[in-house]
Amino acid sequence: MAKDGLEPNTDVIAETENYLAWKAEEPDEETTLHLELNNVTLHFFQEEWDEFLRLVKLLID
């Protein structure tokens, strides 16, 4: 839990040598997900993340 209640609680979802996926439970109860791909970071709200995962599944099937 965040110390002052204003900072998000974060968890790493997956990590490789160059890439990182993590999520944050924001103080306003919104979940945001983040992909760090070298020097690019993509930020998603939960609904956007769900759609992104559907896209990735279509790419690998």
PDB file of N, CA and C in Angstrom:
ATOM      1  N   MET A   1       0.844  -1.187   0.000  1.00  0.00           N
ATOM      2  CA  MET A   1       0.000   0.000   0.000  1.00  0.00           C
ATOM      3  C   MET A   1       0.882   1.241   0.000  1.00  0.00           C
ATOM      4  N   ALA A   2       0.448   2.239  -0.730  1.00  0.00           N
ATOM      5  CA  ALA A   2       1.210   3.480  -0.784  1.00  0.00           C
ATOM      6  C   ALA A   2       1.222   4.143   0.592  1.00  0.00           C
ATOM      7  N   LYS A   3       2.331   4.781   0.913  1.00  0.00           N
ATOM      8  CA  LYS A   3       2.488   5.375   2.232  1.00  0.00           C
ATOM      9  C   LYS A   3       1.509   6.499   2.501  1.00  0.00           C
ATOM     10  N   ASP A   4       1.341   7.399   1.532  1.00  0.00           N
ATOM     11  CA  ASP A   4       0.490   8.560   1.768  1.00  0.00           C
ATOM     12  C   ASP A   4      -0.871   8.450   1.085  1.00  0.00           C
ATOM     13  N   GLY A   5      -1.149   7.351   0.405  1.00  0.00           N
ATOM     14  CA  GLY A   5      -2.426   7.171  -0.261  1.00  0.00           C
ATOM     15  C   GLY A   5      -2.537   7.892  -1.584  1.00  0.00           C
ATOM     16  N   LEU A   6      -1.530   8.669  -1.960  1.00  0.00           N
ATOM     17  CA  LEU A   6      -1.562   9.397  -3.222  1.00  0.00           C
ATOM     18  C   LEU A   6      -0.737   8.724  -4.309  1.00  0.00           C
ATOM     19  N   GLU A   7       0.122   7.826  -3.939  1.00  0.00           N
ATOM     20  CA  GLU A   7       0.959   7.109  -4.889  1.00  0.00           C
ATOM     21  C   GLU A   7       0.278   5.809  -5.300  1.00  0.00           C
ATOM     22  N   PRO A   8       0.420   5.419  -6.575  1.00  0.00           N
ATOM     23  CA  PRO A   8      -0.185   4.150  -7.007  1.00  0.00           C
ATOM     24  C   PRO A   8       0.587   2.956  -6.462  1.00  0.00           C
ATOM     25  N   ASN A   9      -0.122   1.850  -6.279  1.00  0.00           N
ATOM     26  CA  ASN A   9       0.515   0.574  -5.958  1.00  0.00           C
ATOM     27  C   ASN A   9       0.885  -0.067  -7.282  1.00  0.00           C
ATOM     28  N   THR A  10       2.145  -0.452  -7.445  1.00  0.00           N
ATOM     29  CA  THR A  10       2.596  -0.993  -8.726  1.00  0.00           C
ATOM     30  C   THR A  10       3.061  -2.431  -8.579  1.00  0.00           C
ATOM     31  N   ASP A  11       2.870  -3.192  -9.656  1.00  0.00           N
ATOM     32  CA  ASP A  11       3.309  -4.580  -9.726  1.00  0.00           C
ATOM     33  C   ASP A  11       3.873  -4.856 -11.112  1.00  0.00           C
ATOM     34  N   VAL A  12       4.992  -5.548 -11.166  1.00  0.00           N
ATOM     35  CA  VAL A  12       5.557  -5.979 -12.441  1.00  0.00           C
ATOM     36  C   VAL A  12       4.769  -7.181 -12.927  1.00  0.00           C
ATOM     37  N   ILE A  13       4.319  -7.139 -14.192  1.00  0.00           N
ATOM     38  CA  ILE A  13       3.586  -8.248 -14.799  1.00  0.00           C
ATOM     39  C   ILE A  13       4.567  -9.213 -15.452  1.00  0.00           C
ATOM     40  N   ALA A  14       5.501  -8.653 -16.225  1.00  0.00           N
ATOM     41  CA  ALA A  14       6.508  -9.466 -16.912  1.00  0.00           C
ATOM     42  C   ALA A  14       7.706  -8.579 -17.223  1.00  0.00           C
ATOM     43  N   GLU A  15       8.879  -9.237 -17.318  1.00  0.00           N
ATOM     44  CA  GLU A  15      10.100  -8.471 -17.556  1.00  0.00           C
ATOM     45  C   GLU A  15      11.102  -9.336 -18.309  1.00  0.00           C
ATOM     46  N   THR A  16      11.744  -8.731 -19.303  1.00  0.00           N
ATOM     47  CA  THR A  16      12.867  -9.351 -19.981  1.00  0.00           C
ATOM     48  C   THR A  16      14.054  -8.396 -19.856  1.00  0.00           C
ATOM     49  N   GLU A  17      15.128  -8.711 -20.546  1.00  0.00           N
ATOM     50  CA  GLU A  17      16.307  -7.850 -20.474  1.00  0.00           C
ATOM     51  C   GLU A  17      16.015  -6.433 -20.948  1.00  0.00           C
ATOM     52  N   ASN A  18      15.171  -6.284 -21.990  1.00  0.00           N
ATOM     53  CA  ASN A  18      14.925  -4.970 -22.577  1.00  0.00           C
ATOM     54  C   ASN A  18      13.508  -4.444 -22.414  1.00  0.00           C
ATOM     55  N   TYR A  19      12.585  -5.266 -21.961  1.00  0.00           N
ATOM     56  CA  TYR A  19      11.178  -4.876 -21.916  1.00  0.00           C
ATOM     57  C   TYR A  19      10.593  -5.102 -20.528  1.00  0.00           C
ATOM     58  N   LEU A  20       9.587  -4.290 -20.207  1.00  0.00           N
ATOM     59  CA  LEU A  20       8.933  -4.389 -18.908  1.00  0.00           C
ATOM     60  C   LEU A  20       7.452  -4.089 -19.081  1.00  0.00           C
ATOM     61  N   ALA A  21       6.613  -4.909 -18.485  1.00  0.00           N
ATOM     62  CA  ALA A  21       5.175  -4.645 -18.405  1.00  0.00           C
ATOM     63  C   ALA A  21       4.832  -4.549 -16.929  1.00  0.00           C
ATOM     64  N   TRP A  22       4.122  -3.485 -16.564  1.00  0.00           N
ATOM     65  CA  TRP A  22       3.749  -3.307 -15.167  1.00  0.00           C
ATOM     66  C   TRP A  22       2.389  -2.640 -15.077  1.00  0.00           C
ATOM     67  N   LYS A  23       1.748  -2.807 -13.915  1.00  0.00           N
ATOM     68  CA  LYS A  23       0.453  -2.168 -13.733  1.00  0.00           C
ATOM     69  C   LYS A  23       0.455  -1.360 -12.458  1.00  0.00           C
ATOM     70  N   ALA A  24      -0.408  -0.377 -12.445  1.00  0.00           N
ATOM     71  CA  ALA A  24      -0.533   0.511 -11.295  1.00  0.00           C
ATOM     72  C   ALA A  24      -1.997   0.603 -10.893  1.00  0.00           C
ATOM     73  N   GLU A  25      -2.236   0.405  -9.618  1.00  0.00           N
ATOM     74  CA  GLU A  25      -3.564   0.645  -9.042  1.00  0.00           C
ATOM     75  C   GLU A  25      -3.528   2.079  -8.523  1.00  0.00           C
ATOM     76  N   GLU A  26      -4.202   2.957  -9.256  1.00  0.00           N
ATOM     77  CA  GLU A  26      -4.163   4.381  -8.936  1.00  0.00           C
ATOM     78  C   GLU A  26      -5.019   4.695  -7.711  1.00  0.00           C
ATOM     79  N   PRO A  27      -4.733   5.794  -7.013  1.00  0.00           N
ATOM     80  CA  PRO A  27      -5.514   6.179  -5.833  1.00  0.00           C
ATOM     81  C   PRO A  27      -7.010   6.369  -6.129  1.00  0.00           C
ATOM     82  N   ASP A  28      -7.346   6.725  -7.385  1.00  0.00           N
ATOM     83  CA  ASP A  28      -8.755   6.911  -7.753  1.00  0.00           C
ATOM     84  C   ASP A  28      -9.418   5.596  -8.163  1.00  0.00           C
ATOM     85  N   GLU A  29      -8.735   4.477  -7.874  1.00  0.00           N
ATOM     86  CA  GLU A  29      -9.205   3.119  -8.131  1.00  0.00           C
ATOM     87  C   GLU A  29      -9.188   2.734  -9.611  1.00  0.00           C
ATOM     88  N   GLU A  30      -8.570   3.539 -10.454  1.00  0.00           N
ATOM     89  CA  GLU A  30      -8.374   3.205 -11.863  1.00  0.00           C
ATOM     90  C   GLU A  30      -7.123   2.350 -11.977  1.00  0.00           C
ATOM     91  N   THR A  31      -7.157   1.354 -12.853  1.00  0.00           N
ATOM     92  CA  THR A  31      -5.977   0.537 -13.125  1.00  0.00           C
ATOM     93  C   THR A  31      -5.360   1.016 -14.425  1.00  0.00           C
ATOM     94  N   THR A  32      -4.061   1.272 -14.415  1.00  0.00           N
ATOM     95  CA  THR A  32      -3.346   1.600 -15.636  1.00  0.00           C
ATOM     96  C   THR A  32      -2.256   0.558 -15.847  1.00  0.00           C
ATOM     97  N   LEU A  33      -1.986   0.271 -17.114  1.00  0.00           N
ATOM     98  CA  LEU A  33      -0.968  -0.712 -17.469  1.00  0.00           C
ATOM     99  C   LEU A  33       0.048  -0.037 -18.376  1.00  0.00           C
ATOM    100  N   HIS A  34       1.289  -0.481 -18.269  1.00  0.00           N
ATOM    101  CA  HIS A  34       2.383   0.219 -18.927  1.00  0.00           C
ATOM    102  C   HIS A  34       3.332  -0.793 -19.560  1.00  0.00           C
ATOM    103  N   LEU A  35       3.739  -0.508 -20.793  1.00  0.00           N
ATOM    104  CA  LEU A  35       4.757  -1.300 -21.480  1.00  0.00           C
ATOM    105  C   LEU A  35       5.964  -0.409 -21.705  1.00  0.00           C
ATOM    106  N   GLU A  36       7.095  -0.815 -21.193  1.00  0.00           N
ATOM    107  CA  GLU A  36       8.348  -0.108 -21.445  1.00  0.00           C
ATOM    108  C   GLU A  36       9.138  -0.934 -22.444  1.00  0.00           C
ATOM    109  N   LEU A  37       9.306  -0.387 -23.637  1.00  0.00           N
ATOM    110  CA  LEU A  37       9.983  -1.070 -24.740  1.00  0.00           C
ATOM    111  C   LEU A  37      11.195  -0.241 -25.133  1.00  0.00           C
ATOM    112  N   ASN A  38      12.324  -0.562 -24.532  1.00  0.00           N
ATOM    113  CA  ASN A  38      13.536   0.246 -24.685  1.00  0.00           C
ATOM    114  C   ASN A  38      13.227   1.676 -24.275  1.00  0.00           C
ATOM    115  N   ASN A  39      13.298   2.633 -25.200  1.00  0.00           N
ATOM    116  CA  ASN A  39      13.094   4.035 -24.832  1.00  0.00           C
ATOM    117  C   ASN A  39      11.666   4.525 -25.099  1.00  0.00           C
ATOM    118  N   VAL A  40      10.723   3.613 -25.329  1.00  0.00           N
ATOM    119  CA  VAL A  40       9.322   3.963 -25.561  1.00  0.00           C
ATOM    120  C   VAL A  40       8.475   3.348 -24.441  1.00  0.00           C
ATOM    121  N   THR A  41       7.585   4.152 -23.883  1.00  0.00           N
ATOM    122  CA  THR A  41       6.646   3.639 -22.887  1.00  0.00           C
ATOM    123  C   THR A  41       5.233   3.880 -23.384  1.00  0.00           C
ATOM    124  N   LEU A  42       4.420   2.819 -23.378  1.00  0.00           N
ATOM    125  CA  LEU A  42       3.013   2.907 -23.751  1.00  0.00           C
ATOM    126  C   LEU A  42       2.189   2.798 -22.482  1.00  0.00           C
ATOM    127  N   HIS A  43       1.193   3.664 -22.351  1.00  0.00           N
ATOM    128  CA  HIS A  43       0.327   3.686 -21.185  1.00  0.00           C
ATOM    129  C   HIS A  43      -1.089   3.316 -21.616  1.00  0.00           C
ATOM    130  N   PHE A  44      -1.745   2.438 -20.874  1.00  0.00           N
ATOM    131  CA  PHE A  44      -3.085   1.967 -21.214  1.00  0.00           C
ATOM    132  C   PHE A  44      -3.987   2.041 -19.984  1.00  0.00           C
ATOM    133  N   PHE A  45      -5.250   2.386 -20.216  1.00  0.00           N
ATOM    134  CA  PHE A  45      -6.275   2.125 -19.217  1.00  0.00           C
ATOM    135  C   PHE A  45      -6.686   0.668 -19.385  1.00  0.00           C
ATOM    136  N   GLN A  46      -7.379   0.103 -18.410  1.00  0.00           N
ATOM    137  CA  GLN A  46      -7.708  -1.319 -18.439  1.00  0.00           C
ATOM    138  C   GLN A  46      -8.431  -1.730 -19.721  1.00  0.00           C
ATOM    139  N   GLU A  47      -9.393  -0.933 -20.181  1.00  0.00           N
ATOM    140  CA  GLU A  47     -10.147  -1.281 -21.387  1.00  0.00           C
ATOM    141  C   GLU A  47      -9.232  -1.297 -22.615  1.00  0.00           C
ATOM    142  N   GLU A  48      -8.318  -0.351 -22.675  1.00  0.00           N
ATOM    143  CA  GLU A  48      -7.361  -0.298 -23.788  1.00  0.00           C
ATOM    144  C   GLU A  48      -6.410  -1.497 -23.736  1.00  0.00           C
ATOM    145  N   TRP A  49      -5.977  -1.856 -22.550  1.00  0.00           N
ATOM    146  CA  TRP A  49      -5.089  -3.000 -22.362  1.00  0.00           C
ATOM    147  C   TRP A  49      -5.759  -4.282 -22.848  1.00  0.00           C
ATOM    148  N   ASP A  50      -7.024  -4.453 -22.474  1.00  0.00           N
ATOM    149  CA  ASP A  50      -7.770  -5.642 -22.893  1.00  0.00           C
ATOM    150  C   ASP A  50      -7.842  -5.730 -24.422  1.00  0.00           C
ATOM    151  N   GLU A  51      -8.083  -4.602 -25.065  1.00  0.00           N
ATOM    152  CA  GLU A  51      -8.131  -4.583 -26.533  1.00  0.00           C
ATOM    153  C   GLU A  51      -6.751  -4.855 -27.124  1.00  0.00           C
ATOM    154  N   PHE A  52      -5.716  -4.294 -26.517  1.00  0.00           N
ATOM    155  CA  PHE A  52      -4.350  -4.543 -26.981  1.00  0.00           C
ATOM    156  C   PHE A  52      -4.010  -6.025 -26.904  1.00  0.00           C
ATOM    157  N   LEU A  53      -4.393  -6.683 -25.808  1.00  0.00           N
ATOM    158  CA  LEU A  53      -4.140  -8.121 -25.681  1.00  0.00           C
ATOM    159  C   LEU A  53      -4.884  -8.915 -26.740  1.00  0.00           C
ATOM    160  N   ARG A  54      -6.120  -8.503 -27.072  1.00  0.00           N
ATOM    161  CA  ARG A  54      -6.850  -9.172 -28.155  1.00  0.00           C
ATOM    162  C   ARG A  54      -6.096  -9.021 -29.475  1.00  0.00           C
ATOM    163  N   LEU A  55      -5.541  -7.839 -29.732  1.00  0.00           N
ATOM    164  CA  LEU A  55      -4.769  -7.599 -30.937  1.00  0.00           C
ATOM    165  C   LEU A  55      -3.532  -8.504 -30.983  1.00  0.00           C
ATOM    166  N   VAL A  56      -2.811  -8.593 -29.885  1.00  0.00           N
ATOM    167  CA  VAL A  56      -1.609  -9.425 -29.837  1.00  0.00           C
ATOM    168  C   VAL A  56      -1.971 -10.880 -30.076  1.00  0.00           C
ATOM    169  N   LYS A  57      -3.059 -11.352 -29.493  1.00  0.00           N
ATOM    170  CA  LYS A  57      -3.490 -12.737 -29.707  1.00  0.00           C
ATOM    171  C   LYS A  57      -3.812 -12.991 -31.172  1.00  0.00           C
ATOM    172  N   LEU A  58      -4.419 -12.026 -31.846  1.00  0.00           N
ATOM    173  CA  LEU A  58      -4.692 -12.168 -33.280  1.00  0.00           C
ATOM    174  C   LEU A  58      -3.388 -12.247 -34.079  1.00  0.00           C
ATOM    175  N   LEU A  59      -2.397 -11.512 -33.652  1.00  0.00           N
ATOM    176  CA  LEU A  59      -1.115 -11.527 -34.356  1.00  0.00           C
ATOM    177  C   LEU A  59      -0.386 -12.846 -34.228  1.00  0.00           C
ATOM    178  N   ILE A  60      -0.533 -13.520 -33.094  1.00  0.00           N
ATOM    179  CA  ILE A  60       0.236 -14.755 -32.885  1.00  0.00           C
ATOM    180  C   ILE A  60      -0.536 -16.017 -33.263  1.00  0.00           C
ATOM    181  N   ASP A  61      -1.824 -15.895 -33.517  1.00  0.00           N
ATOM    182  CA  ASP A  61      -2.611 -17.072 -33.937  1.00  0.00           C
ATOM    183  C   ASP A  61      -2.507 -17.317 -35.423  1.00  0.00           C
TER     184      ASP A  61
END
